[in-house]
């Protein structure tokens, strides 16, 4: 589990390898990840967009930007949470993802909430930190 808090918005990510959607012999690896977003602040916020930076084991970087998450732009009053599961394919057996969510308060203030960097590793594989 990986966690970061920005301006009262807590983002927790739990990744897991998905062997049923992977084919290592063809260089196809798939991870599912569950994200929980909790509004610990005093203002209602709405998630407007996402930005992901995905890096595979060979250092190749892919950036993904888009509106909302899983087709939604959730509104989170104080104390509320939103959870979703998505996935990412990689051509290597390890990688790292990180990013941010662009949020707006009811008063119109926009800010980016950090999505902590999280590791995509095969279960039982040796990890290498650069």
Protein backbone atom coordinates (compact mmCIF):
# COMPACT_ATOMS: atom_id res chain seq x y z
CA UNK A 1 0.00 0.00 0.00
CA UNK A 2 1.24 3.47 -0.93
CA UNK A 3 -0.19 6.73 0.48
CA UNK A 4 0.17 10.50 0.01
CA UNK A 5 -1.84 13.47 1.31
CA UNK A 6 -2.11 16.85 -0.43
CA UNK A 7 -4.22 19.71 0.95
CA UNK A 8 -6.35 17.29 2.94
CA UNK A 9 -6.89 14.83 0.08
CA UNK A 10 -5.45 11.41 0.92
CA UNK A 11 -4.69 9.03 -1.96
CA UNK A 12 -3.93 5.37 -1.21
CA UNK A 13 -2.92 2.92 -3.95
CA UNK A 14 -2.79 -0.86 -3.67
CA UNK A 15 -1.31 -2.59 -6.76
CA UNK A 16 -1.42 -6.31 -7.50
CA UNK A 17 -0.09 -8.43 -10.34
CA UNK A 18 -2.81 -9.98 -12.50
CA UNK A 19 -1.49 -13.31 -13.82
CA UNK A 20 -4.77 -14.18 -15.57
CA UNK A 21 -4.38 -11.12 -17.82
CA UNK A 22 -0.62 -11.55 -18.38
CA UNK A 23 1.38 -13.59 -20.89
CA UNK A 24 5.06 -13.47 -19.84
CA UNK A 25 6.15 -15.58 -22.84
CA UNK A 26 4.89 -12.75 -25.09
CA UNK A 27 6.26 -9.97 -22.90
CA UNK A 28 2.84 -8.93 -21.62
CA UNK A 29 2.40 -8.18 -17.93
CA UNK A 30 -0.71 -6.68 -16.35
CA UNK A 31 -1.29 -5.09 -12.96
CA UNK A 32 -4.55 -4.04 -11.38
CA UNK A 33 -4.47 -1.21 -8.85
CA UNK A 34 -7.09 0.02 -6.43
CA UNK A 35 -7.13 3.69 -5.52
CA UNK A 36 -8.94 5.15 -2.53
CA UNK A 37 -9.35 8.93 -2.39
CA UNK A 38 -10.43 10.36 0.98
CA UNK A 39 -11.29 14.00 1.64
CA UNK A 40 -9.81 14.75 5.06
CA UNK A 41 -10.20 18.50 4.52
CA UNK A 42 -12.95 21.00 5.32
CA UNK A 43 -13.91 21.84 1.70
CA UNK A 44 -15.84 19.79 -0.83
CA UNK A 45 -13.62 18.84 -3.78
CA UNK A 46 -14.26 17.40 -7.23
CA UNK A 47 -11.75 15.32 -9.17
CA UNK A 48 -11.55 16.75 -12.68
CA UNK A 49 -8.62 14.96 -14.36
CA UNK A 50 -5.75 12.53 -13.93
CA UNK A 51 -2.10 12.45 -14.99
CA UNK A 52 -0.11 9.22 -14.86
CA UNK A 53 3.60 8.67 -15.45
CA UNK A 54 4.31 4.99 -16.13
CA UNK A 55 7.91 3.77 -16.35
CA UNK A 56 8.84 0.23 -17.35
CA UNK A 57 11.98 -1.69 -16.34
CA UNK A 58 13.88 -0.38 -19.38
CA UNK A 59 13.23 3.23 -18.41
CA UNK A 60 10.64 3.85 -21.12
CA UNK A 61 8.10 6.44 -19.94
CA UNK A 62 4.48 6.72 -20.97
CA UNK A 63 2.31 9.63 -19.83
CA UNK A 64 -1.46 9.36 -19.67
CA UNK A 65 -3.79 12.32 -19.16
CA UNK A 66 -7.55 12.34 -19.18
CA UNK A 67 -10.78 13.54 -17.67
CA UNK A 68 -11.84 12.03 -14.35
CA UNK A 69 -11.20 8.43 -13.38
CA UNK A 70 -13.04 5.35 -14.69
CA UNK A 71 -15.48 7.66 -16.51
CA UNK A 72 -16.37 9.65 -13.40
CA UNK A 73 -15.54 13.04 -11.89
CA UNK A 74 -16.41 12.25 -8.27
CA UNK A 75 -17.45 14.97 -5.81
CA UNK A 76 -16.11 14.42 -2.29
CA UNK A 77 -17.61 16.40 0.60
CA UNK A 78 -15.55 16.49 3.81
CA UNK A 79 -15.09 12.97 5.18
CA UNK A 80 -16.19 11.26 1.95
CA UNK A 81 -14.19 8.70 0.00
CA UNK A 82 -14.18 7.31 -3.52
CA UNK A 83 -12.61 4.01 -4.55
CA UNK A 84 -11.98 2.49 -7.95
CA UNK A 85 -9.91 -0.23 -9.59
CA UNK A 86 -8.13 0.08 -12.91
CA UNK A 87 -5.17 -1.57 -14.58
CA UNK A 88 -1.99 -1.08 -16.55
CA UNK A 89 -0.18 -3.32 -19.07
CA UNK A 90 3.61 -3.30 -19.30
CA UNK A 91 6.05 -4.98 -21.70
CA UNK A 92 8.42 -5.70 -18.78
CA UNK A 93 8.01 -7.65 -15.54
CA UNK A 94 8.50 -4.58 -13.33
CA UNK A 95 7.74 -0.89 -13.43
CA UNK A 96 6.69 2.16 -11.49
CA UNK A 97 3.63 4.41 -11.70
CA UNK A 98 3.04 7.82 -10.16
CA UNK A 99 0.92 10.81 -10.94
CA UNK A 100 -1.61 13.32 -9.77
CA UNK A 101 -5.30 14.17 -9.74
CA UNK A 102 -6.43 17.69 -10.57
CA UNK A 103 -9.12 18.73 -8.11
CA UNK A 104 -11.27 21.83 -7.70
CA UNK A 105 -12.86 23.13 -4.50
CA UNK A 106 -16.37 24.58 -4.32
CA UNK A 107 -14.81 28.06 -4.29
CA UNK A 108 -13.02 27.31 -7.59
CA UNK A 109 -9.48 26.75 -6.28
CA UNK A 110 -7.69 24.14 -8.39
CA UNK A 111 -4.84 21.99 -7.10
CA UNK A 112 -3.04 18.75 -7.87
CA UNK A 113 -3.20 15.92 -5.35
CA UNK A 114 -0.18 13.63 -5.45
CA UNK A 115 -0.61 9.99 -6.34
CA UNK A 116 2.41 8.37 -4.65
CA UNK A 117 4.87 6.40 -6.76
CA UNK A 118 4.01 2.71 -6.54
CA UNK A 119 5.94 -0.32 -7.61
CA UNK A 120 4.69 -2.87 -10.12
CA UNK A 121 6.56 -6.09 -9.36
CA UNK A 122 5.92 -9.77 -9.91
CA UNK A 123 5.20 -11.52 -6.62
CA UNK A 124 8.42 -13.03 -5.26
CA UNK A 125 10.63 -11.19 -7.77
CA UNK A 126 13.82 -9.51 -6.60
CA UNK A 127 13.50 -5.72 -6.52
CA UNK A 128 16.19 -3.40 -7.81
CA UNK A 129 16.27 0.19 -6.63
CA UNK A 130 18.13 2.67 -8.83
